[in-house]
Amino acid sequence: MSYPFSDDQEELRRTVRRFLTEKSPEPEVRRLMESAEGFDPAVWRQMAGQLDLQGLVIPERYGGAGHSYAELVVVLEEMGRALLCAPYFSTVALAANLLLATDDETAKRDLLPAIAAGRSIATVALTEHSGRWDADGVAMEAAEADGGWSLSGEKFYVPDGHVADLVLVVARTPAGVSLFAVRQGASGFAATPVPTMDQTRKLARLRFDRTPARLVGADGQGWPAVSETLDLAAIALAAEQAGGAQRVLDMAVEYAKLRVQFGRPIGSFQAIKHKCADMLVEVESARSAAYYAGWAAAERSDEVPALASLAKSYCSEAYFHAAAENIQIHGGIGYTWEHPAHLYFKRAKSSELMFGDGAYHRELLARRIGI
């Protein structure tokens, strides 16, 4: 992966942007965020059938397109810009990455082709009542039963858990943290949508009551794959945040040019100039952090863990600050329900907390680089 992006990668960006401009305009975002499912199944099928987005980073031997993480960074940046309401992040950045991180070839052959084709919506159930993202936060127990495994307990804050037909559950056995696959409709399994501040990204609470589950990978050896996936997902989220940050910067600059106060555009006032200039520096820096982390992921660099935390920390705070400043520049209208500024503000805050906030990742970064 090199910069600038290749011609093919830029064409991918243009193609995805055109698609999202048509399929994810603001009225459609508002309609879908009010719906129970939170996405349009027809658009989901088009994403797979026309653009091959679900299979973008899945190797060809599992039915995917076999592209690198560089292409995924491009796609997620555009999705963040458009506030796409779809279970793409949970299916691709979480579930597909987790399956690819395991050494279970049988599970990969069985589960990845349906994801790549858009026939399967998948997610990862990790966090519990504590809200922790580390191995010590995994308390849900898995027990051997009838020659297989069963799960009992609850998982919280599961992205798109109410619509996923495949849930990869992180649970604990006597041997340690392990990974299990559960199908929608399995006995003892229940998924309940939960109210969220950011209505454009649905979360669910999952309950398991002696639910039959399939062990993925070796018993007690699941955490390395989960840890790798969390790093890759943090990079994916950073790219999404960079796209959203650029969009709110564009909104702020456009409004500053058009809004007239005291006989002149407000963009001519020094206070507004300083806000826009500071936003620009932060947005460009966020994009650079996300791109470099994406490059490391594409190259399978040893720097991925450190860069994932760096990108997640910086992009989270840059996006939230840009979204807040966008509202300030818009003034009273920026606070209204009718204006899209609040949609990006809420997405920025929810994304900041997902996988740990900036302080959490700075501490993680310090440990990873030996400080």
Protein backbone atom coordinates (compact mmCIF):
# COMPACT_ATOMS: atom_id res chain seq x y z
CA MET A 1 0.00 0.00 0.00
CA SER A 2 1.40 3.37 -1.01
CA TYR A 3 0.32 7.01 -0.95
CA PRO A 4 -1.23 8.58 -2.79
CA PHE A 5 -3.74 5.80 -3.33
CA SER A 6 -3.54 3.93 -6.61
CA ASP A 7 -5.86 4.73 -9.51
CA ASP A 8 -7.88 1.59 -8.77
CA GLN A 9 -8.30 2.56 -5.12
CA GLU A 10 -9.41 6.07 -6.05
CA GLU A 11 -11.87 4.62 -8.54
CA LEU A 12 -13.20 2.41 -5.76
CA ARG A 13 -13.65 5.55 -3.63
CA ARG A 14 -15.55 7.33 -6.40
CA THR A 15 -17.74 4.30 -7.04
CA VAL A 16 -18.62 3.87 -3.35
CA ARG A 17 -19.28 7.59 -2.96
CA ARG A 18 -21.66 7.61 -5.92
CA PHE A 19 -23.45 4.55 -4.55
CA LEU A 20 -23.80 6.06 -1.07
CA THR A 21 -24.90 9.42 -2.43
CA GLU A 22 -27.79 7.60 -4.09
CA LYS A 23 -28.55 5.02 -1.39
CA SER A 24 -27.69 6.87 1.83
CA PRO A 25 -28.88 10.48 1.56
CA GLU A 26 -29.95 12.17 4.78
CA PRO A 27 -33.71 11.38 4.41
CA GLU A 28 -32.89 7.68 4.01
CA VAL A 29 -30.54 7.74 7.00
CA ARG A 30 -33.33 9.23 9.09
CA ARG A 31 -35.85 6.67 7.86
CA LEU A 32 -33.60 3.71 8.57
CA MET A 33 -32.46 4.89 11.99
CA GLU A 34 -36.10 4.96 13.05
CA SER A 35 -36.75 1.44 11.75
CA ALA A 36 -36.45 -1.69 13.88
CA GLU A 37 -33.90 -3.37 11.61
CA GLY A 38 -31.80 -0.26 10.99
CA PHE A 39 -30.90 -1.08 7.38
CA ASP A 40 -32.38 -1.73 3.94
CA PRO A 41 -32.04 -5.40 2.88
CA ALA A 42 -32.25 -4.43 -0.81
CA VAL A 43 -29.29 -2.04 -0.45
CA TRP A 44 -27.40 -4.71 1.51
CA ARG A 45 -27.84 -7.13 -1.41
CA GLN A 46 -26.73 -4.46 -3.88
CA MET A 47 -23.60 -3.79 -1.85
CA ALA A 48 -22.67 -7.44 -2.26
CA GLY A 49 -23.99 -8.13 -5.74
CA GLN A 50 -22.94 -4.91 -7.49
CA LEU A 51 -19.90 -3.72 -5.54
CA ASP A 52 -18.67 -6.87 -3.77
CA LEU A 53 -18.17 -4.84 -0.61
CA GLN A 54 -18.93 -7.58 1.91
CA GLY A 55 -16.27 -9.79 0.37
CA LEU A 56 -13.73 -7.00 -0.12
CA VAL A 57 -11.01 -8.29 2.24
CA ILE A 58 -12.06 -11.94 2.31
CA PRO A 59 -9.60 -14.09 0.33
CA GLU A 60 -10.76 -15.53 -2.97
CA ARG A 61 -10.51 -19.10 -1.67
CA TYR A 62 -13.37 -18.25 0.72
CA GLY A 63 -15.49 -16.56 -1.93
CA GLY A 64 -14.25 -13.00 -1.47
CA ALA A 65 -12.51 -10.43 -3.64
CA GLY A 66 -9.13 -10.78 -1.93
CA HIS A 67 -8.30 -7.09 -1.58
CA SER A 68 -6.14 -5.63 1.19
CA TYR A 69 -7.01 -3.51 4.20
CA ALA A 70 -6.16 -0.43 2.15
CA GLU A 71 -9.34 -0.86 0.15
CA LEU A 72 -11.37 -1.41 3.31
CA VAL A 73 -10.04 1.86 4.75
CA VAL A 74 -11.22 3.66 1.61
CA VAL A 75 -14.68 2.09 1.80
CA LEU A 76 -15.19 2.74 5.50
CA GLU A 77 -14.03 6.34 5.16
CA GLU A 78 -16.80 6.87 2.62
CA MET A 79 -19.35 5.04 4.79
CA GLY A 80 -18.46 7.25 7.74
CA ARG A 81 -18.89 10.30 5.56
CA ALA A 82 -22.38 9.16 4.51
CA LEU A 83 -23.49 7.78 7.92
CA LEU A 84 -24.48 4.55 6.20
CA CYS A 85 -27.08 2.60 8.16
CA ALA A 86 -26.13 -1.02 7.50
CA PRO A 87 -24.56 -3.94 9.40
CA TYR A 88 -21.36 -3.61 7.37
CA PHE A 89 -19.01 -2.77 10.19
CA SER A 90 -20.21 -5.62 12.39
CA THR A 91 -20.15 -8.13 9.54
CA VAL A 92 -16.87 -7.22 7.85
CA ALA A 93 -14.67 -5.30 10.31
CA LEU A 94 -15.64 -7.54 13.23
CA ALA A 95 -16.98 -10.98 12.27
CA ALA A 96 -15.10 -11.58 9.01
CA ASN A 97 -11.85 -10.31 10.51
CA LEU A 98 -12.29 -12.56 13.55
CA LEU A 99 -12.87 -15.64 11.44
CA LEU A 100 -9.84 -14.82 9.31
CA ALA A 101 -7.74 -14.38 12.45
CA THR A 102 -8.46 -17.92 13.63
CA ASP A 103 -6.68 -21.07 12.41
CA ASP A 104 -9.97 -22.95 11.94
CA GLU A 105 -10.00 -23.65 8.20
CA THR A 106 -13.23 -25.62 8.41
CA ALA A 107 -15.07 -22.71 10.02
CA LYS A 108 -13.66 -20.30 7.46
CA ARG A 109 -14.82 -22.47 4.55
CA ASP A 110 -18.23 -22.93 6.14
CA LEU A 111 -18.96 -19.35 7.23
CA LEU A 112 -17.03 -16.84 5.12
CA PRO A 113 -18.55 -17.52 1.66
CA ALA A 114 -22.05 -16.55 2.87
CA ILE A 115 -20.65 -13.34 4.39
CA ALA A 116 -18.80 -12.50 1.18
CA ALA A 117 -21.94 -13.06 -0.90
CA GLY A 118 -24.09 -10.87 1.33
CA ARG A 119 -26.28 -13.79 2.36
CA SER A 120 -25.15 -13.66 5.98
CA ILE A 121 -25.14 -10.81 8.49
CA ALA A 122 -22.66 -11.50 11.27
CA THR A 123 -21.39 -9.85 14.41
CA VAL A 124 -19.12 -10.41 17.41
CA ALA A 125 -20.44 -10.60 20.98
CA LEU A 126 -17.63 -9.65 23.35
CA THR A 127 -18.57 -7.06 25.95
CA GLU A 128 -20.53 -7.89 29.06
CA HIS A 129 -22.04 -5.88 31.89
CA SER A 130 -18.64 -4.43 32.83
CA GLY A 131 -18.24 -2.91 29.36
CA ARG A 132 -14.60 -4.01 29.22
CA TRP A 133 -12.84 -4.81 25.96
CA ASP A 134 -10.03 -6.95 27.38
CA ALA A 135 -9.72 -10.64 28.17
CA ASP A 136 -10.38 -10.10 31.87
CA GLY A 137 -13.80 -8.75 30.97
CA VAL A 138 -14.89 -12.12 29.52
CA ALA A 139 -16.85 -13.92 32.23
CA MET A 140 -19.60 -15.73 30.31
CA GLU A 141 -19.16 -19.47 30.65
CA ALA A 142 -19.20 -22.16 28.01
CA ALA A 143 -19.75 -25.77 29.04
CA GLU A 144 -19.37 -29.05 27.23
CA ALA A 145 -22.74 -30.65 26.55
CA ASP A 146 -23.82 -33.67 24.49
CA GLY A 147 -20.53 -33.88 22.67
CA GLY A 148 -20.57 -30.18 21.87
CA TRP A 149 -20.77 -26.86 23.72
CA SER A 150 -23.44 -24.68 25.25
CA LEU A 151 -23.41 -21.04 26.36
CA SER A 152 -25.17 -19.37 29.26
CA GLY A 153 -25.09 -15.70 30.15
CA GLU A 154 -25.51 -12.28 28.56
CA LYS A 155 -23.64 -10.05 26.16
CA PHE A 156 -24.18 -6.31 25.91
CA TYR A 157 -23.61 -3.58 23.31
CA VAL A 158 -23.47 -6.07 20.42
CA PRO A 159 -23.49 -4.21 17.07
CA ASP A 160 -26.43 -5.35 14.91
CA GLY A 161 -26.97 -8.32 17.20
CA HIS A 162 -30.73 -8.19 16.64
CA VAL A 163 -30.43 -8.79 12.87
CA ALA A 164 -27.33 -11.01 12.70
CA ASP A 165 -27.94 -14.61 11.66
CA LEU A 166 -24.41 -15.51 12.81
CA VAL A 167 -22.99 -14.43 16.16
CA LEU A 168 -19.37 -15.12 17.10
CA VAL A 169 -19.39 -15.25 20.88
CA VAL A 170 -16.33 -14.81 23.08
CA ALA A 171 -16.76 -16.96 26.20
CA ARG A 172 -14.66 -18.65 28.85
CA THR A 173 -14.06 -22.39 29.29
CA PRO A 174 -11.90 -24.12 31.92
CA ALA A 175 -9.07 -23.87 29.34
CA GLY A 176 -9.45 -20.12 28.88
CA VAL A 177 -11.07 -17.63 26.49
CA SER A 178 -12.58 -19.38 23.48
CA LEU A 179 -14.62 -18.47 20.43
CA PHE A 180 -18.02 -19.93 19.52
CA ALA A 181 -20.45 -19.58 16.63
CA VAL A 182 -24.18 -19.33 17.35
CA ARG A 183 -26.93 -19.18 14.76
CA GLN A 184 -30.00 -16.97 15.04
CA GLY A 185 -32.88 -19.12 16.19
CA ALA A 186 -30.79 -21.49 18.29
CA SER A 187 -32.55 -22.73 21.43
CA GLY A 188 -32.12 -20.52 24.45
CA PHE A 189 -30.89 -17.57 22.35
CA ALA A 190 -32.62 -14.19 22.44
CA ALA A 191 -31.60 -10.83 20.97
CA THR A 192 -33.15 -7.59 22.18
CA PRO A 193 -32.46 -4.18 20.60
CA VAL A 194 -31.46 -1.54 23.15
CA PRO A 195 -31.99 2.23 23.02
CA THR A 196 -28.90 4.06 21.82
CA MET A 197 -27.83 7.68 21.67
CA ASP A 198 -26.58 7.09 18.10
CA GLN A 199 -29.61 5.71 16.30
CA THR A 200 -27.64 5.15 13.10
CA ARG A 201 -25.73 2.25 14.69
CA LYS A 202 -27.93 -0.36 16.32
CA LEU A 203 -26.86 -2.30 19.40
CA ALA A 204 -28.42 -5.33 21.05
CA ARG A 205 -28.43 -7.32 24.27
CA LEU A 206 -27.99 -11.06 23.75
CA ARG A 207 -29.11 -13.74 26.17
CA PHE A 208 -27.94 -17.34 26.13
CA ASP A 209 -29.58 -20.10 28.15
CA ARG A 210 -27.74 -23.36 27.54
CA THR A 211 -27.59 -22.35 23.88
CA PRO A 212 -25.89 -24.86 21.54
CA ALA A 213 -22.70 -23.41 20.10
CA ARG A 214 -19.94 -24.43 17.71
CA LEU A 215 -16.37 -24.10 18.90
CA VAL A 216 -14.28 -22.06 16.45
CA GLY A 217 -10.56 -22.69 16.74
CA ALA A 218 -8.93 -24.44 19.67
CA ASP A 219 -10.44 -24.52 23.14
CA GLY A 220 -8.85 -21.86 25.32
CA GLN A 221 -6.92 -20.28 22.44
CA GLY A 222 -9.44 -17.67 21.33
CA TRP A 223 -8.04 -14.45 22.76
CA PRO A 224 -5.12 -13.90 20.33
CA ALA A 225 -7.60 -13.89 17.42
CA VAL A 226 -9.96 -11.58 19.33
CA SER A 227 -7.11 -9.21 20.22
CA GLU A 228 -5.98 -9.06 16.59
CA THR A 229 -9.55 -8.39 15.50
CA LEU A 230 -9.98 -5.56 18.00
CA ASP A 231 -6.90 -3.86 16.56
CA LEU A 232 -8.14 -4.26 13.00
CA ALA A 233 -11.61 -3.08 13.98
CA ALA A 234 -10.11 -0.03 15.72
CA ILE A 235 -8.32 0.86 12.48
CA ALA A 236 -11.53 0.37 10.52
CA LEU A 237 -13.41 2.60 12.95
CA ALA A 238 -10.66 5.23 12.74
CA ALA A 239 -11.14 5.33 8.97
CA GLU A 240 -14.87 5.73 9.46
CA GLN A 241 -14.25 8.53 11.95
CA ALA A 242 -11.92 10.29 9.53
CA GLY A 243 -14.64 10.25 6.89
CA GLY A 244 -17.21 11.65 9.30
CA ALA A 245 -14.81 14.33 10.50
CA GLN A 246 -14.18 15.48 6.95
CA ARG A 247 -17.93 15.68 6.32
CA VAL A 248 -18.61 17.90 9.33
CA LEU A 249 -15.67 20.12 8.39
CA ASP A 250 -17.15 20.51 4.91
CA MET A 251 -20.53 21.36 6.43
CA ALA A 252 -19.01 23.98 8.71
CA VAL A 253 -16.99 25.67 5.95
CA GLU A 254 -19.94 25.72 3.57
CA TYR A 255 -22.20 27.29 6.19
CA ALA A 256 -19.53 29.84 7.17
CA LYS A 257 -19.41 31.00 3.57
CA LEU A 258 -23.19 31.33 3.23
CA ARG A 259 -24.35 32.64 6.61
CA VAL A 260 -24.32 36.44 6.69
CA GLN A 261 -24.18 38.38 9.93
CA PHE A 262 -23.63 42.14 10.33
CA GLY A 263 -23.52 42.41 6.55
CA ARG A 264 -20.73 39.89 5.94
CA PRO A 265 -20.27 36.09 5.83
CA ILE A 266 -19.47 34.71 9.27
CA GLY A 267 -16.49 32.91 7.72
CA SER A 268 -14.77 36.30 7.50
CA PHE A 269 -14.74 36.66 11.30
CA GLN A 270 -11.51 35.71 12.99
CA ALA A 271 -13.14 33.44 15.58
CA ILE A 272 -14.80 31.32 12.88
CA LYS A 273 -11.60 31.27 10.81
CA HIS A 274 -9.69 29.91 13.78
CA LYS A 275 -12.28 27.22 14.44
CA CYS A 276 -12.21 26.05 10.82
CA ALA A 277 -8.41 26.15 10.69
CA ASP A 278 -8.10 24.07 13.86
CA MET A 279 -10.66 21.60 12.53
CA LEU A 280 -8.74 21.29 9.27
CA VAL A 281 -5.48 20.46 11.07
CA GLU A 282 -7.20 17.85 13.22
CA VAL A 283 -9.10 16.27 10.32
CA GLU A 284 -6.00 16.02 8.13
CA SER A 285 -4.05 14.53 11.01
CA ALA A 286 -6.83 12.05 11.72
CA ARG A 287 -6.87 10.97 8.09
CA SER A 288 -3.10 10.50 8.13
CA ALA A 289 -3.30 8.39 11.29
CA ALA A 290 -6.07 6.20 9.85
CA TYR A 291 -4.28 5.80 6.52
CA TYR A 292 -0.97 4.86 8.10
CA ALA A 293 -2.62 2.34 10.40
CA GLY A 294 -4.46 0.94 7.37
CA TRP A 295 -1.16 0.65 5.53
CA ALA A 296 0.30 -1.29 8.45
CA ALA A 297 -2.69 -3.64 8.45
CA ALA A 298 -2.43 -4.14 4.69
CA GLU A 299 1.26 -4.99 5.04
CA ARG A 300 0.67 -7.15 8.16
CA SER A 301 3.23 -5.02 9.96
CA ASP A 302 4.29 -5.63 13.54
CA GLU A 303 3.34 -2.01 14.17
CA VAL A 304 -0.39 -2.75 13.87
CA PRO A 305 -1.18 -2.96 17.63
CA ALA A 306 0.54 0.35 18.42
CA LEU A 307 -0.83 2.13 15.36
CA ALA A 308 -4.34 0.85 15.99
CA SER A 309 -4.37 2.45 19.43
CA LEU A 310 -2.77 5.64 18.11
CA ALA A 311 -5.30 5.98 15.29
CA LYS A 312 -8.30 5.13 17.45
CA SER A 313 -7.28 7.59 20.14
CA TYR A 314 -6.56 10.50 17.81
CA CYS A 315 -9.43 9.96 15.35
CA SER A 316 -11.95 9.59 18.17
CA GLU A 317 -11.10 12.94 19.70
CA ALA A 318 -10.63 14.74 16.38
CA TYR A 319 -14.03 13.58 15.12
CA PHE A 320 -15.84 14.52 18.32
CA HIS A 321 -14.20 17.95 18.43
CA ALA A 322 -14.97 18.61 14.76
CA ALA A 323 -18.59 17.53 15.22
CA ALA A 324 -18.97 19.79 18.25
CA GLU A 325 -17.37 22.76 16.50
CA ASN A 326 -19.63 22.21 13.50
CA ILE A 327 -22.64 22.70 15.77
CA GLN A 328 -21.08 25.84 17.28
CA ILE A 329 -20.45 27.36 13.85
CA HIS A 330 -24.02 26.62 12.79
CA GLY A 331 -25.35 28.32 15.91
CA GLY A 332 -28.96 27.73 16.93
CA ILE A 333 -29.90 25.74 13.84
CA GLY A 334 -27.11 23.26 14.59
CA TYR A 335 -28.95 22.20 17.75
CA THR A 336 -32.22 21.37 16.00
CA TRP A 337 -33.46 17.88 15.23
CA GLU A 338 -33.98 18.86 11.58
CA HIS A 339 -30.29 19.62 10.97
CA PRO A 340 -27.89 16.73 10.27
CA ALA A 341 -25.17 18.13 12.56
CA HIS A 342 -26.55 16.26 15.56
CA LEU A 343 -26.45 12.94 13.69
CA TYR A 344 -22.70 13.25 13.21
CA PHE A 345 -22.23 14.50 16.78
CA LYS A 346 -23.95 11.40 18.16
CA ARG A 347 -22.04 9.08 15.84
CA ALA A 348 -18.81 10.77 16.91
CA LYS A 349 -19.54 10.24 20.60
CA SER A 350 -20.63 6.61 20.20
CA SER A 351 -17.59 5.85 18.05
CA GLU A 352 -15.32 7.50 20.61
CA LEU A 353 -16.48 5.01 23.25
CA MET A 354 -16.52 1.94 21.03
CA PHE A 355 -13.48 -0.32 21.68
CA GLY A 356 -12.36 2.11 24.38
CA ASP A 357 -12.01 5.88 24.48
CA GLY A 358 -8.93 7.98 23.84
CA ALA A 359 -7.56 7.65 27.37
CA TYR A 360 -7.92 3.86 27.26
CA HIS A 361 -6.02 3.63 23.98
CA ARG A 362 -3.29 6.03 25.05
CA GLU A 363 -2.65 3.83 28.07
CA LEU A 364 -2.73 0.76 25.82
CA LEU A 365 -0.34 2.44 23.39
CA ALA A 366 2.07 3.25 26.19
CA ARG A 367 2.13 -0.38 27.30
CA ARG A 368 2.57 -1.60 23.76
CA ILE A 369 5.59 0.57 23.04
CA GLY A 370 7.09 -0.16 26.45
CA ILE A 371 6.61 3.15 28.22
